């Protein structure tokens, strides 16, 4: 795990509150049997990156906490919504659609008085309505990216707009980034596309620039690669950075795609077991610490391309997460 300092995701909670949240996370992990090794790693990582505890407690010293107890511990604070997100992630650490764990999460949601879109998604998935859940994840993701309601069910048409209408001038503009100095953000972006054999926006097989530019900027800035583990972490970083349907539109879709091996749409790929229980919370905390949002309408990719990659990372307060130390 990287040792670079990252501000804790939840800095304002006292020890009683963090203990209650961790105890509820343990309870979800153990809802259908003993906690796994990955469950224990996830709790240790959450202690460090979510709450900033330098010396994590031993798993067995964290008592399980019931829904009513968690609700009482968090009363008068605004920690309930974050806590429920953490509990939801714990339900999927072991890479399965565990109905018992999901039912446990929903009991905590009821006790906390929280009703969010992502809870409907996991409820539908647990009740056998997987396609309905996946369809809403797609809608949430598209609404998060485009900033407007998504009425079309076919995201692939939006994601692949150049198949029938190439924009060669746009593609050439991206190709020209290869002429920049190797230390620049723009050159690193160009290299990222070349090494992964990606088509530049504007080329017939390319993804929509409105998605690929902010998404692949996250890969370049964080250093997370494009293997399943890296894709899941890049989207986790994005969820904390962008905060528009973070769970329904980003976290759950990549957990289902890359960890549960469920293909969400014709463009998305899938894999199993890609959730890194230690680095996951680091990526989330790092995204929350970022000073700029690459998916925001005001994000100007071209304003940064001439700057050194190291400087861009420092300017945007993006900690070294999946970075290789030589890339500056």
C-alpha atoms as a PDB file:
ATOM      1  CA  UNK A   1       0.000   0.000   0.000  1.00  0.00           C
ATOM      2  CA  UNK A   2       1.241   3.482  -0.786  1.00  0.00           C
ATOM      3  CA  UNK A   3       2.535   5.475   2.158  1.00  0.00           C
ATOM      4  CA  UNK A   4       1.731   8.958   0.831  1.00  0.00           C
ATOM      5  CA  UNK A   5      -0.418  10.927   3.260  1.00  0.00           C
ATOM      6  CA  UNK A   6      -4.067  11.250   2.313  1.00  0.00           C
ATOM      7  CA  UNK A   7      -6.558  13.258   4.392  1.00  0.00           C
ATOM      8  CA  UNK A   8      -9.099  10.960   6.043  1.00  0.00           C
ATOM      9  CA  UNK A   9     -12.422  10.688   4.255  1.00  0.00           C
ATOM     10  CA  UNK A  10     -14.339  11.358   7.486  1.00  0.00           C
ATOM     11  CA  UNK A  11     -12.343  13.661   9.722  1.00  0.00           C
ATOM     12  CA  UNK A  12     -15.017  14.984  12.074  1.00  0.00           C
ATOM     13  CA  UNK A  13     -16.161  11.796  13.776  1.00  0.00           C
ATOM     14  CA  UNK A  14     -15.227  11.073  17.381  1.00  0.00           C
ATOM     15  CA  UNK A  15     -13.988   7.686  18.566  1.00  0.00           C
ATOM     16  CA  UNK A  16     -17.403   6.564  19.743  1.00  0.00           C
ATOM     17  CA  UNK A  17     -18.891   7.320  16.349  1.00  0.00           C
ATOM     18  CA  UNK A  18     -16.086   5.739  14.343  1.00  0.00           C
ATOM     19  CA  UNK A  19     -16.210   2.693  16.602  1.00  0.00           C
ATOM     20  CA  UNK A  20     -19.934   2.353  15.976  1.00  0.00           C
ATOM     21  CA  UNK A  21     -19.497   2.630  12.210  1.00  0.00           C
ATOM     22  CA  UNK A  22     -16.664   0.101  12.182  1.00  0.00           C
ATOM     23  CA  UNK A  23     -18.736  -2.196  14.381  1.00  0.00           C
ATOM     24  CA  UNK A  24     -21.647  -1.973  11.945  1.00  0.00           C
ATOM     25  CA  UNK A  25     -19.257  -2.675   9.057  1.00  0.00           C
ATOM     26  CA  UNK A  26     -18.093  -5.786  10.905  1.00  0.00           C
ATOM     27  CA  UNK A  27     -21.685  -6.847  11.497  1.00  0.00           C
ATOM     28  CA  UNK A  28     -22.464  -6.613   7.776  1.00  0.00           C
ATOM     29  CA  UNK A  29     -19.319  -8.581   6.928  1.00  0.00           C
ATOM     30  CA  UNK A  30     -20.399 -11.317   9.347  1.00  0.00           C
ATOM     31  CA  UNK A  31     -24.098 -11.312   8.445  1.00  0.00           C
ATOM     32  CA  UNK A  32     -23.878 -14.660   6.668  1.00  0.00           C
ATOM     33  CA  UNK A  33     -20.852 -16.208   8.347  1.00  0.00           C
ATOM     34  CA  UNK A  34     -17.373 -15.461   9.741  1.00  0.00           C
ATOM     35  CA  UNK A  35     -15.559 -12.467   8.278  1.00  0.00           C
ATOM     36  CA  UNK A  36     -13.063 -13.265   5.532  1.00  0.00           C
ATOM     37  CA  UNK A  37      -9.447 -12.180   5.311  1.00  0.00           C
ATOM     38  CA  UNK A  38     -10.477  -9.490   2.812  1.00  0.00           C
ATOM     39  CA  UNK A  39     -13.216  -8.255   5.166  1.00  0.00           C
ATOM     40  CA  UNK A  40     -10.599  -7.757   7.866  1.00  0.00           C
ATOM     41  CA  UNK A  41      -8.235  -5.970   5.474  1.00  0.00           C
ATOM     42  CA  UNK A  42     -11.084  -3.696   4.380  1.00  0.00           C
ATOM     43  CA  UNK A  43     -11.853  -2.697   7.968  1.00  0.00           C
ATOM     44  CA  UNK A  44      -8.193  -1.957   8.684  1.00  0.00           C
ATOM     45  CA  UNK A  45      -7.955   0.163   5.532  1.00  0.00           C
ATOM     46  CA  UNK A  46     -11.185   1.986   6.409  1.00  0.00           C
ATOM     47  CA  UNK A  47      -9.759   2.828   9.820  1.00  0.00           C
ATOM     48  CA  UNK A  48      -6.709   4.371   8.199  1.00  0.00           C
ATOM     49  CA  UNK A  49      -8.095   6.153   5.152  1.00  0.00           C
ATOM     50  CA  UNK A  50     -11.701   6.798   6.181  1.00  0.00           C
ATOM     51  CA  UNK A  51     -11.098   7.827   9.784  1.00  0.00           C
ATOM     52  CA  UNK A  52      -7.368   8.587   9.909  1.00  0.00           C
ATOM     53  CA  UNK A  53      -6.476   6.123  12.672  1.00  0.00           C
ATOM     54  CA  UNK A  54      -2.757   5.525  12.362  1.00  0.00           C
ATOM     55  CA  UNK A  55      -2.810   2.376  14.496  1.00  0.00           C
ATOM     56  CA  UNK A  56      -5.765   0.215  13.428  1.00  0.00           C
ATOM     57  CA  UNK A  57      -7.546  -1.851  16.034  1.00  0.00           C
ATOM     58  CA  UNK A  58      -7.355  -5.609  15.790  1.00  0.00           C
ATOM     59  CA  UNK A  59     -10.479  -6.899  14.051  1.00  0.00           C
ATOM     60  CA  UNK A  60     -11.524  -9.021  17.035  1.00  0.00           C
ATOM     61  CA  UNK A  61     -11.459  -5.960  19.317  1.00  0.00           C
ATOM     62  CA  UNK A  62     -14.142  -4.207  17.240  1.00  0.00           C
ATOM     63  CA  UNK A  63     -17.518  -5.268  18.658  1.00  0.00           C
ATOM     64  CA  UNK A  64     -20.344  -5.739  16.185  1.00  0.00           C
ATOM     65  CA  UNK A  65     -22.936  -2.957  16.388  1.00  0.00           C
ATOM     66  CA  UNK A  66     -26.654  -3.372  15.722  1.00  0.00           C
ATOM     67  CA  UNK A  67     -28.708  -0.933  13.600  1.00  0.00           C
ATOM     68  CA  UNK A  68     -30.387   0.778  16.563  1.00  0.00           C
ATOM     69  CA  UNK A  69     -27.040   1.197  18.331  1.00  0.00           C
ATOM     70  CA  UNK A  70     -25.468   2.751  15.240  1.00  0.00           C
ATOM     71  CA  UNK A  71     -28.406   5.121  14.857  1.00  0.00           C
ATOM     72  CA  UNK A  72     -28.097   6.220  18.486  1.00  0.00           C
ATOM     73  CA  UNK A  73     -24.333   6.721  18.189  1.00  0.00           C
ATOM     74  CA  UNK A  74     -24.694   8.930  15.101  1.00  0.00           C
ATOM     75  CA  UNK A  75     -27.729  10.902  16.296  1.00  0.00           C
ATOM     76  CA  UNK A  76     -27.264  14.639  15.865  1.00  0.00           C
ATOM     77  CA  UNK A  77     -24.467  14.204  13.289  1.00  0.00           C
ATOM     78  CA  UNK A  78     -24.437  14.057   9.512  1.00  0.00           C
ATOM     79  CA  UNK A  79     -22.417  10.830   9.470  1.00  0.00           C
ATOM     80  CA  UNK A  80     -25.294   8.476   8.694  1.00  0.00           C
ATOM     81  CA  UNK A  81     -25.197   8.835   4.908  1.00  0.00           C
ATOM     82  CA  UNK A  82     -21.457   8.167   4.695  1.00  0.00           C
ATOM     83  CA  UNK A  83     -21.731   5.299   7.167  1.00  0.00           C
ATOM     84  CA  UNK A  84     -24.385   3.597   5.062  1.00  0.00           C
ATOM     85  CA  UNK A  85     -22.209   3.853   1.948  1.00  0.00           C
ATOM     86  CA  UNK A  86     -19.395   2.124   3.822  1.00  0.00           C
ATOM     87  CA  UNK A  87     -21.750  -0.618   5.007  1.00  0.00           C
ATOM     88  CA  UNK A  88     -22.956  -1.167   1.453  1.00  0.00           C
ATOM     89  CA  UNK A  89     -19.415  -1.662   0.199  1.00  0.00           C
ATOM     90  CA  UNK A  90     -18.756  -4.173   3.001  1.00  0.00           C
ATOM     91  CA  UNK A  91     -21.632  -6.282   1.702  1.00  0.00           C
ATOM     92  CA  UNK A  92     -19.692  -6.875  -1.534  1.00  0.00           C
ATOM     93  CA  UNK A  93     -16.091  -7.224  -0.355  1.00  0.00           C
ATOM     94  CA  UNK A  94     -16.118 -10.984  -0.913  1.00  0.00           C
ATOM     95  CA  UNK A  95     -17.297 -10.622  -4.512  1.00  0.00           C
ATOM     96  CA  UNK A  96     -20.756 -12.156  -4.304  1.00  0.00           C
ATOM     97  CA  UNK A  97     -24.357 -11.009  -4.368  1.00  0.00           C
ATOM     98  CA  UNK A  98     -25.070 -12.020  -0.781  1.00  0.00           C
ATOM     99  CA  UNK A  99     -28.761 -11.521  -0.021  1.00  0.00           C
ATOM    100  CA  UNK A 100     -28.214 -11.838   3.731  1.00  0.00           C
ATOM    101  CA  UNK A 101     -25.608  -9.069   3.770  1.00  0.00           C
ATOM    102  CA  UNK A 102     -27.773  -6.830   1.592  1.00  0.00           C
ATOM    103  CA  UNK A 103     -30.714  -7.398   3.935  1.00  0.00           C
ATOM    104  CA  UNK A 104     -28.475  -6.343   6.819  1.00  0.00           C
ATOM    105  CA  UNK A 105     -27.527  -3.119   5.021  1.00  0.00           C
ATOM    106  CA  UNK A 106     -31.198  -2.343   4.421  1.00  0.00           C
ATOM    107  CA  UNK A 107     -31.926  -2.789   8.131  1.00  0.00           C
ATOM    108  CA  UNK A 108     -29.269  -0.197   8.941  1.00  0.00           C
ATOM    109  CA  UNK A 109     -30.759   2.105   6.309  1.00  0.00           C
ATOM    110  CA  UNK A 110     -34.173   1.825   7.961  1.00  0.00           C
ATOM    111  CA  UNK A 111     -32.724   2.523  11.412  1.00  0.00           C
ATOM    112  CA  UNK A 112     -30.874   5.570  10.086  1.00  0.00           C
ATOM    113  CA  UNK A 113     -33.934   6.804   8.163  1.00  0.00           C
ATOM    114  CA  UNK A 114     -32.064   6.878   4.860  1.00  0.00           C
ATOM    115  CA  UNK A 115     -33.615   6.065   1.481  1.00  0.00           C
ATOM    116  CA  UNK A 116     -31.258   6.486  -1.470  1.00  0.00           C
ATOM    117  CA  UNK A 117     -31.296   5.385  -5.083  1.00  0.00           C
ATOM    118  CA  UNK A 118     -28.421   2.942  -4.632  1.00  0.00           C
ATOM    119  CA  UNK A 119     -30.365   1.149  -1.896  1.00  0.00           C
ATOM    120  CA  UNK A 120     -33.143   0.473  -4.393  1.00  0.00           C
ATOM    121  CA  UNK A 121     -30.519  -0.963  -6.751  1.00  0.00           C
ATOM    122  CA  UNK A 122     -29.119  -3.457  -4.252  1.00  0.00           C
ATOM    123  CA  UNK A 123     -32.641  -4.340  -3.086  1.00  0.00           C
ATOM    124  CA  UNK A 124     -33.692  -5.113  -6.661  1.00  0.00           C
ATOM    125  CA  UNK A 125     -30.544  -7.152  -7.284  1.00  0.00           C
ATOM    126  CA  UNK A 126     -31.123  -9.188  -4.128  1.00  0.00           C
ATOM    127  CA  UNK A 127     -34.747  -9.827  -5.094  1.00  0.00           C
ATOM    128  CA  UNK A 128     -33.768 -11.272  -8.475  1.00  0.00           C
ATOM    129  CA  UNK A 129     -34.477  -8.166 -10.523  1.00  0.00           C
ATOM    130  CA  UNK A 130     -30.858  -7.814 -11.596  1.00  0.00           C
ATOM    131  CA  UNK A 131     -31.575  -6.291 -15.005  1.00  0.00           C
ATOM    132  CA  UNK A 132     -33.691  -3.559 -13.429  1.00  0.00           C
ATOM    133  CA  UNK A 133     -30.884  -2.798 -11.000  1.00  0.00           C
ATOM    134  CA  UNK A 134     -28.297  -2.678 -13.801  1.00  0.00           C
ATOM    135  CA  UNK A 135     -30.525  -0.435 -15.907  1.00  0.00           C
ATOM    136  CA  UNK A 136     -30.764   2.062 -13.069  1.00  0.00           C
ATOM    137  CA  UNK A 137     -26.998   1.932 -12.529  1.00  0.00           C
ATOM    138  CA  UNK A 138     -26.605   2.854 -16.198  1.00  0.00           C
ATOM    139  CA  UNK A 139     -29.093   5.712 -15.879  1.00  0.00           C
ATOM    140  CA  UNK A 140     -27.386   6.967 -12.728  1.00  0.00           C
ATOM    141  CA  UNK A 141     -23.975   6.786 -14.361  1.00  0.00           C
ATOM    142  CA  UNK A 142     -25.124   8.625 -17.471  1.00  0.00           C
ATOM    143  CA  UNK A 143     -26.901  11.297 -15.434  1.00  0.00           C
ATOM    144  CA  UNK A 144     -23.763  11.741 -13.336  1.00  0.00           C
ATOM    145  CA  UNK A 145     -21.566  12.117 -16.421  1.00  0.00           C
ATOM    146  CA  UNK A 146     -23.860  14.224 -18.615  1.00  0.00           C
ATOM    147  CA  UNK A 147     -25.426  16.319 -15.851  1.00  0.00           C
ATOM    148  CA  UNK A 148     -28.956  15.768 -17.128  1.00  0.00           C
ATOM    149  CA  UNK A 149     -31.720  13.166 -16.800  1.00  0.00           C
ATOM    150  CA  UNK A 150     -31.087  10.064 -18.894  1.00  0.00           C
ATOM    151  CA  UNK A 151     -34.162   8.825 -20.734  1.00  0.00           C
ATOM    152  CA  UNK A 152     -32.518   6.592 -23.345  1.00  0.00           C
ATOM    153  CA  UNK A 153     -31.852   2.997 -22.375  1.00  0.00           C
ATOM    154  CA  UNK A 154     -29.006   2.567 -24.880  1.00  0.00           C
ATOM    155  CA  UNK A 155     -25.884   4.162 -23.450  1.00  0.00           C
ATOM    156  CA  UNK A 156     -23.701   2.656 -26.198  1.00  0.00           C
ATOM    157  CA  UNK A 157     -24.956   5.163 -28.783  1.00  0.00           C
ATOM    158  CA  UNK A 158     -23.835   8.041 -26.590  1.00  0.00           C
ATOM    159  CA  UNK A 159     -20.567   6.345 -25.678  1.00  0.00           C
ATOM    160  CA  UNK A 160     -19.691   5.613 -29.332  1.00  0.00           C
ATOM    161  CA  UNK A 161     -20.748   8.762 -31.230  1.00  0.00           C
ATOM    162  CA  UNK A 162     -17.995   8.758 -33.857  1.00  0.00           C
ATOM    163  CA  UNK A 163     -18.821   5.458 -35.554  1.00  0.00           C
ATOM    164  CA  UNK A 164     -21.042   7.185 -38.074  1.00  0.00           C
ATOM    165  CA  UNK A 165     -19.607  10.682 -37.740  1.00  0.00           C
ATOM    166  CA  UNK A 166     -15.820  10.738 -37.261  1.00  0.00           C
ATOM    167  CA  UNK A 167     -14.190  13.991 -36.180  1.00  0.00           C
ATOM    168  CA  UNK A 168     -10.686  13.747 -37.591  1.00  0.00           C
ATOM    169  CA  UNK A 169      -9.738  17.281 -36.537  1.00  0.00           C
ATOM    170  CA  UNK A 170     -10.465  16.384 -32.933  1.00  0.00           C
ATOM    171  CA  UNK A 171      -8.503  13.141 -33.225  1.00  0.00           C
ATOM    172  CA  UNK A 172      -5.535  15.002 -34.696  1.00  0.00           C
ATOM    173  CA  UNK A 173      -5.584  17.461 -31.814  1.00  0.00           C
ATOM    174  CA  UNK A 174      -5.183  14.572 -29.382  1.00  0.00           C
ATOM    175  CA  UNK A 175      -2.540  12.943 -31.571  1.00  0.00           C
ATOM    176  CA  UNK A 176      -0.522  16.176 -31.428  1.00  0.00           C
ATOM    177  CA  UNK A 177      -0.160  15.769 -27.659  1.00  0.00           C
ATOM    178  CA  UNK A 178       2.625  13.309 -28.459  1.00  0.00           C
ATOM    179  CA  UNK A 179       4.766  16.262 -29.555  1.00  0.00           C
ATOM    180  CA  UNK A 180       4.737  17.788 -26.068  1.00  0.00           C
ATOM    181  CA  UNK A 181       7.585  17.297 -23.627  1.00  0.00           C
ATOM    182  CA  UNK A 182       7.552  13.820 -22.018  1.00  0.00           C
ATOM    183  CA  UNK A 183       7.092  15.298 -18.524  1.00  0.00           C
ATOM    184  CA  UNK A 184       3.826  17.041 -19.403  1.00  0.00           C
ATOM    185  CA  UNK A 185       0.308  15.955 -18.529  1.00  0.00           C
ATOM    186  CA  UNK A 186      -0.637  16.093 -22.220  1.00  0.00           C
ATOM    187  CA  UNK A 187       2.153  13.751 -23.258  1.00  0.00           C
ATOM    188  CA  UNK A 188       1.281  11.365 -20.423  1.00  0.00           C
ATOM    189  CA  UNK A 189      -2.336  11.352 -21.661  1.00  0.00           C
ATOM    190  CA  UNK A 190      -1.137  10.577 -25.203  1.00  0.00           C
ATOM    191  CA  UNK A 191       1.105   7.796 -23.881  1.00  0.00           C
ATOM    192  CA  UNK A 192      -1.781   6.332 -21.885  1.00  0.00           C
ATOM    193  CA  UNK A 193      -3.830   6.017 -25.074  1.00  0.00           C
ATOM    194  CA  UNK A 194      -0.975   4.588 -27.117  1.00  0.00           C
ATOM    195  CA  UNK A 195       0.050   2.012 -24.506  1.00  0.00           C
ATOM    196  CA  UNK A 196      -3.548   0.807 -24.194  1.00  0.00           C
ATOM    197  CA  UNK A 197      -4.170   0.904 -27.964  1.00  0.00           C
ATOM    198  CA  UNK A 198      -7.117   3.250 -27.449  1.00  0.00           C
ATOM    199  CA  UNK A 199      -8.587   5.273 -30.284  1.00  0.00           C
ATOM    200  CA  UNK A 200      -8.467   9.023 -29.700  1.00  0.00           C
ATOM    201  CA  UNK A 201     -11.797  10.860 -29.435  1.00  0.00           C
ATOM    202  CA  UNK A 202     -12.919  11.662 -32.956  1.00  0.00           C
ATOM    203  CA  UNK A 203     -11.750   8.347 -34.429  1.00  0.00           C
ATOM    204  CA  UNK A 204     -14.552   5.965 -35.451  1.00  0.00           C
ATOM    205  CA  UNK A 205     -14.007   3.415 -32.648  1.00  0.00           C
ATOM    206  CA  UNK A 206     -13.292   5.950 -29.905  1.00  0.00           C
ATOM    207  CA  UNK A 207     -15.371   6.613 -26.832  1.00  0.00           C
ATOM    208  CA  UNK A 208     -17.148   9.942 -26.464  1.00  0.00           C
ATOM    209  CA  UNK A 209     -14.690  12.671 -25.450  1.00  0.00           C
ATOM    210  CA  UNK A 210     -17.201  13.777 -22.810  1.00  0.00           C
ATOM    211  CA  UNK A 211     -16.488  10.491 -21.026  1.00  0.00           C
ATOM    212  CA  UNK A 212     -13.032   9.379 -22.111  1.00  0.00           C
ATOM    213  CA  UNK A 213     -11.250  12.681 -21.471  1.00  0.00           C
ATOM    214  CA  UNK A 214     -12.324  13.089 -17.821  1.00  0.00           C
ATOM    215  CA  UNK A 215     -12.146   9.340 -17.143  1.00  0.00           C
ATOM    216  CA  UNK A 216      -8.734   8.769 -18.689  1.00  0.00           C
ATOM    217  CA  UNK A 217      -7.475  11.975 -17.070  1.00  0.00           C
ATOM    218  CA  UNK A 218      -8.252  10.264 -13.754  1.00  0.00           C
ATOM    219  CA  UNK A 219      -6.174   7.258 -14.814  1.00  0.00           C
ATOM    220  CA  UNK A 220      -3.233   9.465 -15.773  1.00  0.00           C
ATOM    221  CA  UNK A 221      -3.430  11.679 -12.691  1.00  0.00           C
ATOM    222  CA  UNK A 222      -3.859   8.876 -10.164  1.00  0.00           C
ATOM    223  CA  UNK A 223      -1.654   6.306 -11.844  1.00  0.00           C
ATOM    224  CA  UNK A 224      -4.288   3.575 -11.647  1.00  0.00           C
ATOM    225  CA  UNK A 225      -3.903   1.299 -14.659  1.00  0.00           C
ATOM    226  CA  UNK A 226      -6.632  -0.033 -16.935  1.00  0.00           C
ATOM    227  CA  UNK A 227      -6.659  -3.600 -15.619  1.00  0.00           C
ATOM    228  CA  UNK A 228      -9.833  -4.530 -13.719  1.00  0.00           C
ATOM    229  CA  UNK A 229      -8.344  -3.562 -10.333  1.00  0.00           C
ATOM    230  CA  UNK A 230      -7.197  -0.203 -11.688  1.00  0.00           C
ATOM    231  CA  UNK A 231     -10.523   0.508 -13.397  1.00  0.00           C
ATOM    232  CA  UNK A 232     -12.387  -0.170 -10.175  1.00  0.00           C
ATOM    233  CA  UNK A 233     -10.056   2.109  -8.210  1.00  0.00           C
ATOM    234  CA  UNK A 234     -10.207   4.888 -10.820  1.00  0.00           C
ATOM    235  CA  UNK A 235     -13.996   4.857 -10.629  1.00  0.00           C
ATOM    236  CA  UNK A 236     -13.867   4.798  -6.835  1.00  0.00           C
ATOM    237  CA  UNK A 237     -11.668   7.891  -6.946  1.00  0.00           C
ATOM    238  CA  UNK A 238     -14.145   9.434  -9.401  1.00  0.00           C
ATOM    239  CA  UNK A 239     -17.115   8.746  -7.135  1.00  0.00           C
ATOM    240  CA  UNK A 240     -15.524  10.665  -4.259  1.00  0.00           C
ATOM    241  CA  UNK A 241     -14.309  13.439  -6.557  1.00  0.00           C
ATOM    242  CA  UNK A 242     -17.483  13.927  -8.609  1.00  0.00           C
ATOM    243  CA  UNK A 243     -20.169  13.164  -5.962  1.00  0.00           C
ATOM    244  CA  UNK A 244     -23.119  13.005  -8.351  1.00  0.00           C
ATOM    245  CA  UNK A 245     -24.749   9.642  -7.674  1.00  0.00           C
ATOM    246  CA  UNK A 246     -21.432   8.330  -6.310  1.00  0.00           C
ATOM    247  CA  UNK A 247     -22.847   4.996  -5.197  1.00  0.00           C
ATOM    248  CA  UNK A 248     -25.645   4.424  -7.718  1.00  0.00           C
ATOM    249  CA  UNK A 249     -23.689   5.707 -10.706  1.00  0.00           C
ATOM    250  CA  UNK A 250     -20.063   4.833  -9.984  1.00  0.00           C
ATOM    251  CA  UNK A 251     -19.281   2.554  -7.021  1.00  0.00           C
ATOM    252  CA  UNK A 252     -21.955  -0.085  -7.536  1.00  0.00           C
ATOM    253  CA  UNK A 253     -21.557  -0.283 -11.333  1.00  0.00           C
ATOM    254  CA  UNK A 254     -17.831  -1.011 -11.081  1.00  0.00           C
ATOM    255  CA  UNK A 255     -18.272  -3.431  -8.191  1.00  0.00           C
ATOM    256  CA  UNK A 256     -20.825  -5.346 -10.244  1.00  0.00           C
ATOM    257  CA  UNK A 257     -18.705  -5.107 -13.428  1.00  0.00           C
ATOM    258  CA  UNK A 258     -15.206  -5.745 -12.117  1.00  0.00           C
ATOM    259  CA  UNK A 259     -15.803  -7.654  -8.880  1.00  0.00           C
ATOM    260  CA  UNK A 260     -19.015  -9.640  -9.401  1.00  0.00           C
ATOM    261  CA  UNK A 261     -18.420 -10.211 -13.146  1.00  0.00           C
ATOM    262  CA  UNK A 262     -21.722  -8.767 -14.296  1.00  0.00           C
ATOM    263  CA  UNK A 263     -21.689  -7.012 -17.666  1.00  0.00           C
ATOM    264  CA  UNK A 264     -23.779  -3.853 -17.400  1.00  0.00           C
ATOM    265  CA  UNK A 265     -23.935  -2.847 -21.077  1.00  0.00           C
ATOM    266  CA  UNK A 266     -22.465  -3.742 -24.474  1.00  0.00           C
ATOM    267  CA  UNK A 267     -19.546  -1.321 -24.075  1.00  0.00           C
ATOM    268  CA  UNK A 268     -18.569  -2.199 -20.504  1.00  0.00           C
ATOM    269  CA  UNK A 269     -16.314  -5.164 -19.773  1.00  0.00           C
ATOM    270  CA  UNK A 270     -16.429  -7.424 -16.746  1.00  0.00           C
ATOM    271  CA  UNK A 271     -14.167  -9.402 -14.425  1.00  0.00           C
ATOM    272  CA  UNK A 272     -14.246 -11.036 -11.013  1.00  0.00           C
ATOM    273  CA  UNK A 273     -12.414 -10.328  -7.781  1.00  0.00           C
ATOM    274  CA  UNK A 274     -10.974  -6.932  -8.714  1.00  0.00           C
ATOM    275  CA  UNK A 275     -11.846  -5.043  -5.533  1.00  0.00           C
ATOM    276  CA  UNK A 276      -8.624  -4.400  -3.609  1.00  0.00           C
ATOM    277  CA  UNK A 277      -9.818  -4.288   0.030  1.00  0.00           C
ATOM    278  CA  UNK A 278      -6.865  -2.161   1.142  1.00  0.00           C
ATOM    279  CA  UNK A 279      -6.498   0.300  -1.733  1.00  0.00           C
ATOM    280  CA  UNK A 280     -10.256   0.808  -2.226  1.00  0.00           C
ATOM    281  CA  UNK A 281     -10.615   3.173   0.740  1.00  0.00           C
ATOM    282  CA  UNK A 282      -7.367   4.939  -0.171  1.00  0.00           C
ATOM    283  CA  UNK A 283      -8.791   5.701  -3.612  1.00  0.00           C
ATOM    284  CA  UNK A 284     -12.031   6.970  -2.082  1.00  0.00           C
ATOM    285  CA  UNK A 285     -10.224   9.249   0.380  1.00  0.00           C
ATOM    286  CA  UNK A 286      -7.900  10.529  -2.357  1.00  0.00           C
ATOM    287  CA  UNK A 287     -10.851  11.411  -4.596  1.00  0.00           C
ATOM    288  CA  UNK A 288     -12.508  13.285  -1.748  1.00  0.00           C
ATOM    289  CA  UNK A 289      -9.291  15.276  -1.238  1.00  0.00           C
ATOM    290  CA  UNK A 290      -8.974  16.356  -4.881  1.00  0.00           C
ATOM    291  CA  UNK A 291      -9.451  20.087  -5.451  1.00  0.00           C
ATOM    292  CA  UNK A 292     -10.818  19.747  -8.960  1.00  0.00           C
ATOM    293  CA  UNK A 293     -13.353  17.471 -10.623  1.00  0.00           C
ATOM    294  CA  UNK A 294     -12.435  16.254 -14.098  1.00  0.00           C
ATOM    295  CA  UNK A 295     -16.115  15.469 -14.771  1.00  0.00           C
ATOM    296  CA  UNK A 296     -17.298  18.961 -13.847  1.00  0.00           C
ATOM    297  CA  UNK A 297     -18.626  21.107 -16.728  1.00  0.00           C
ATOM    298  CA  UNK A 298     -15.951  23.696 -15.937  1.00  0.00           C
ATOM    299  CA  UNK A 299     -13.037  21.227 -16.195  1.00  0.00           C
ATOM    300  CA  UNK A 300     -10.744  22.350 -19.024  1.00  0.00           C
ATOM    301  CA  UNK A 301      -8.472  19.494 -20.051  1.00  0.00           C
ATOM    302  CA  UNK A 302      -6.598  21.613 -22.580  1.00  0.00           C
ATOM    303  CA  UNK A 303      -5.612  24.186 -19.952  1.00  0.00           C
ATOM    304  CA  UNK A 304      -3.373  21.591 -18.283  1.00  0.00           C
ATOM    305  CA  UNK A 305      -1.778  19.704 -21.173  1.00  0.00           C
ATOM    306  CA  UNK A 306       1.383  21.866 -21.305  1.00  0.00           C
ATOM    307  CA  UNK A 307       2.042  21.622 -17.577  1.00  0.00           C
ATOM    308  CA  UNK A 308       4.294  19.049 -15.952  1.00  0.00           C
ATOM    309  CA  UNK A 309       2.315  16.087 -14.747  1.00  0.00           C
ATOM    310  CA  UNK A 310       3.758  16.431 -11.251  1.00  0.00           C
ATOM    311  CA  UNK A 311       2.640  20.054 -11.085  1.00  0.00           C
ATOM    312  CA  UNK A 312      -0.880  19.217 -12.225  1.00  0.00           C
ATOM    313  CA  UNK A 313      -1.153  16.559  -9.524  1.00  0.00           C
ATOM    314  CA  UNK A 314       0.054  19.010  -6.892  1.00  0.00           C
ATOM    315  CA  UNK A 315      -2.253  21.765  -8.151  1.00  0.00           C
ATOM    316  CA  UNK A 316      -5.282  19.489  -7.995  1.00  0.00           C
ATOM    317  CA  UNK A 317      -4.236  17.920  -4.654  1.00  0.00           C
ATOM    318  CA  UNK A 318      -4.229  14.414  -6.075  1.00  0.00           C
ATOM    319  CA  UNK A 319      -2.164  12.175  -3.780  1.00  0.00           C
ATOM    320  CA  UNK A 320       0.095   9.499  -5.180  1.00  0.00           C
ATOM    321  CA  UNK A 321      -2.177   6.478  -5.089  1.00  0.00           C
ATOM    322  CA  UNK A 322      -1.493   4.016  -7.867  1.00  0.00           C
ATOM    323  CA  UNK A 323       1.395   6.089  -9.136  1.00  0.00           C
ATOM    324  CA  UNK A 324       4.738   4.774 -10.216  1.00  0.00           C
ATOM    325  CA  UNK A 325       7.288   7.050  -8.543  1.00  0.00           C
ATOM    326  CA  UNK A 326       9.184   7.689 -11.767  1.00  0.00           C
ATOM    327  CA  UNK A 327       6.272   9.427 -13.500  1.00  0.00           C
ATOM    328  CA  UNK A 328       6.672  13.151 -12.898  1.00  0.00           C
END
